Amino acid sequence: MPKKTREQKMHAALRRTSFQNLPSQPLPERVSKQALPEEKEVTSIYPTSEDDRIIRFFQTDLKRSLFFIALIIGLEISLYFASINHYFGLGR
């Protein structure tokens, strides 16, 4: 480890003296958890109109996505079997 420079030694001495000159403060008293009143957040278990709208949008979007995925996969499978059986006349 390199030696300390004169400037670093002066900064360390200032830090030590400043910590020694600080008045000691008593620790704050702990507050028990029972003394604090409990604040309960009011939440509804029933969906609001905005939540219902978001859920409906999600469901319709999910159905549409699943429909297109099934359509694409079905198209891929039909093209695969069509190419195996030479329905397109390619490769003869």
C-alpha atoms as a PDB file:
ATOM      1  CA  MET A   1       0.000   0.000   0.000  1.00  0.00           C
ATOM      2  CA  PRO A   2       1.392   3.432  -0.856  1.00  0.00           C
ATOM      3  CA  LYS A   3       2.255   5.882   1.887  1.00  0.00           C
ATOM      4  CA  LYS A   4      -0.126   8.676   2.764  1.00  0.00           C
ATOM      5  CA  THR A   5       0.624  12.102   1.418  1.00  0.00           C
ATOM      6  CA  ARG A   6       0.879  15.143   3.631  1.00  0.00           C
ATOM      7  CA  GLU A   7      -2.531  16.312   2.411  1.00  0.00           C
ATOM      8  CA  GLN A   8      -4.168  12.971   3.246  1.00  0.00           C
ATOM      9  CA  LYS A   9      -2.650  13.042   6.738  1.00  0.00           C
ATOM     10  CA  MET A  10      -4.054  16.533   7.379  1.00  0.00           C
ATOM     11  CA  HIS A  11      -7.528  15.462   6.206  1.00  0.00           C
ATOM     12  CA  ALA A  12      -7.413  12.410   8.486  1.00  0.00           C
ATOM     13  CA  ALA A  13      -6.379  14.543  11.466  1.00  0.00           C
ATOM     14  CA  LEU A  14      -9.208  16.994  10.790  1.00  0.00           C
ATOM     15  CA  ARG A  15     -11.710  14.136  10.601  1.00  0.00           C
ATOM     16  CA  ARG A  16     -10.521  12.683  13.901  1.00  0.00           C
ATOM     17  CA  THR A  17     -10.736  16.014  15.717  1.00  0.00           C
ATOM     18  CA  SER A  18     -14.142  16.837  14.247  1.00  0.00           C
ATOM     19  CA  PHE A  19     -15.585  13.499  15.429  1.00  0.00           C
ATOM     20  CA  GLN A  20     -14.165  13.993  18.916  1.00  0.00           C
ATOM     21  CA  ASN A  21     -15.666  17.475  19.226  1.00  0.00           C
ATOM     22  CA  LEU A  22     -19.192  16.379  18.320  1.00  0.00           C
ATOM     23  CA  PRO A  23     -21.592  16.344  21.264  1.00  0.00           C
ATOM     24  CA  SER A  24     -22.891  12.908  22.027  1.00  0.00           C
ATOM     25  CA  GLN A  25     -26.587  12.642  21.332  1.00  0.00           C
ATOM     26  CA  PRO A  26     -28.812  10.174  23.143  1.00  0.00           C
ATOM     27  CA  LEU A  27     -30.391   7.475  21.028  1.00  0.00           C
ATOM     28  CA  PRO A  28     -34.038   8.101  20.159  1.00  0.00           C
ATOM     29  CA  GLU A  29     -36.547   6.027  22.062  1.00  0.00           C
ATOM     30  CA  ARG A  30     -38.041   3.121  20.226  1.00  0.00           C
ATOM     31  CA  VAL A  31     -41.723   3.318  19.495  1.00  0.00           C
ATOM     32  CA  SER A  32     -43.584   0.091  19.995  1.00  0.00           C
ATOM     33  CA  LYS A  33     -45.635  -1.194  17.113  1.00  0.00           C
ATOM     34  CA  GLN A  34     -48.699  -1.547  19.298  1.00  0.00           C
ATOM     35  CA  ALA A  35     -48.755   2.156  20.112  1.00  0.00           C
ATOM     36  CA  LEU A  36     -49.182   3.144  16.459  1.00  0.00           C
ATOM     37  CA  PRO A  37     -52.721   3.012  15.101  1.00  0.00           C
ATOM     38  CA  GLU A  38     -53.094   0.648  12.208  1.00  0.00           C
ATOM     39  CA  GLU A  39     -54.157   2.236   8.969  1.00  0.00           C
ATOM     40  CA  LYS A  40     -56.089  -0.164   6.830  1.00  0.00           C
ATOM     41  CA  GLU A  41     -56.211   0.435   3.129  1.00  0.00           C
ATOM     42  CA  VAL A  42     -59.687   0.008   1.777  1.00  0.00           C
ATOM     43  CA  THR A  43     -59.654  -2.316  -1.199  1.00  0.00           C
ATOM     44  CA  SER A  44     -62.588  -3.774  -2.973  1.00  0.00           C
ATOM     45  CA  ILE A  45     -62.679  -7.410  -3.978  1.00  0.00           C
ATOM     46  CA  TYR A  46     -65.152  -6.594  -6.719  1.00  0.00           C
ATOM     47  CA  PRO A  47     -63.705  -5.330  -9.987  1.00  0.00           C
ATOM     48  CA  THR A  48     -64.458  -1.746 -10.863  1.00  0.00           C
ATOM     49  CA  SER A  49     -65.653  -0.666 -14.268  1.00  0.00           C
ATOM     50  CA  GLU A  50     -62.081   0.184 -15.330  1.00  0.00           C
ATOM     51  CA  ASP A  51     -60.777  -3.196 -14.147  1.00  0.00           C
ATOM     52  CA  ASP A  52     -63.638  -4.938 -15.908  1.00  0.00           C
ATOM     53  CA  ARG A  53     -62.856  -3.089 -19.127  1.00  0.00           C
ATOM     54  CA  ILE A  54     -59.176  -4.058 -18.926  1.00  0.00           C
ATOM     55  CA  ILE A  55     -60.067  -7.707 -18.251  1.00  0.00           C
ATOM     56  CA  ARG A  56     -62.489  -7.755 -21.205  1.00  0.00           C
ATOM     57  CA  PHE A  57     -59.872  -6.211 -23.488  1.00  0.00           C
ATOM     58  CA  PHE A  58     -57.284  -8.762 -22.358  1.00  0.00           C
ATOM     59  CA  GLN A  59     -59.670 -11.669 -22.951  1.00  0.00           C
ATOM     60  CA  THR A  60     -60.643 -10.529 -26.449  1.00  0.00           C
ATOM     61  CA  ASP A  61     -57.005  -9.867 -27.329  1.00  0.00           C
ATOM     62  CA  LEU A  62     -56.008 -13.309 -26.029  1.00  0.00           C
ATOM     63  CA  LYS A  63     -58.777 -15.030 -28.021  1.00  0.00           C
ATOM     64  CA  ARG A  64     -57.794 -13.181 -31.185  1.00  0.00           C
ATOM     65  CA  SER A  65     -54.113 -14.049 -30.707  1.00  0.00           C
ATOM     66  CA  LEU A  66     -54.884 -17.732 -30.086  1.00  0.00           C
ATOM     67  CA  PHE A  67     -57.093 -17.816 -33.190  1.00  0.00           C
ATOM     68  CA  PHE A  68     -54.333 -16.400 -35.401  1.00  0.00           C
ATOM     69  CA  ILE A  69     -51.713 -18.712 -33.869  1.00  0.00           C
ATOM     70  CA  ALA A  70     -53.923 -21.753 -34.525  1.00  0.00           C
ATOM     71  CA  LEU A  71     -54.582 -20.525 -38.079  1.00  0.00           C
ATOM     72  CA  ILE A  72     -50.872 -20.093 -38.808  1.00  0.00           C
ATOM     73  CA  ILE A  73     -49.948 -23.475 -37.326  1.00  0.00           C
ATOM     74  CA  GLY A  74     -52.741 -25.159 -39.288  1.00  0.00           C
ATOM     75  CA  LEU A  75     -51.543 -23.487 -42.474  1.00  0.00           C
ATOM     76  CA  GLU A  76     -47.975 -24.611 -41.824  1.00  0.00           C
ATOM     77  CA  ILE A  77     -49.064 -28.212 -41.217  1.00  0.00           C
ATOM     78  CA  SER A  78     -51.243 -28.273 -44.339  1.00  0.00           C
ATOM     79  CA  LEU A  79     -48.410 -26.845 -46.465  1.00  0.00           C
ATOM     80  CA  TYR A  80     -46.024 -29.425 -45.008  1.00  0.00           C
ATOM     81  CA  PHE A  81     -48.254 -32.361 -45.896  1.00  0.00           C
ATOM     82  CA  ALA A  82     -49.073 -30.856 -49.283  1.00  0.00           C
ATOM     83  CA  SER A  83     -45.371 -30.584 -50.087  1.00  0.00           C
ATOM     84  CA  ILE A  84     -44.743 -34.185 -48.944  1.00  0.00           C
ATOM     85  CA  ASN A  85     -47.499 -35.536 -51.196  1.00  0.00           C
ATOM     86  CA  HIS A  86     -46.370 -33.338 -54.142  1.00  0.00           C
ATOM     87  CA  TYR A  87     -49.717 -31.541 -54.489  1.00  0.00           C
ATOM     88  CA  PHE A  88     -47.994 -28.461 -55.877  1.00  0.00           C
ATOM     89  CA  GLY A  89     -46.154 -30.308 -58.635  1.00  0.00           C
ATOM     90  CA  LEU A  90     -42.806 -29.055 -57.418  1.00  0.00           C
ATOM     91  CA  GLY A  91     -39.819 -31.360 -57.335  1.00  0.00           C
ATOM     92  CA  ARG A  92     -40.950 -33.820 -59.993  1.00  0.00           C
END
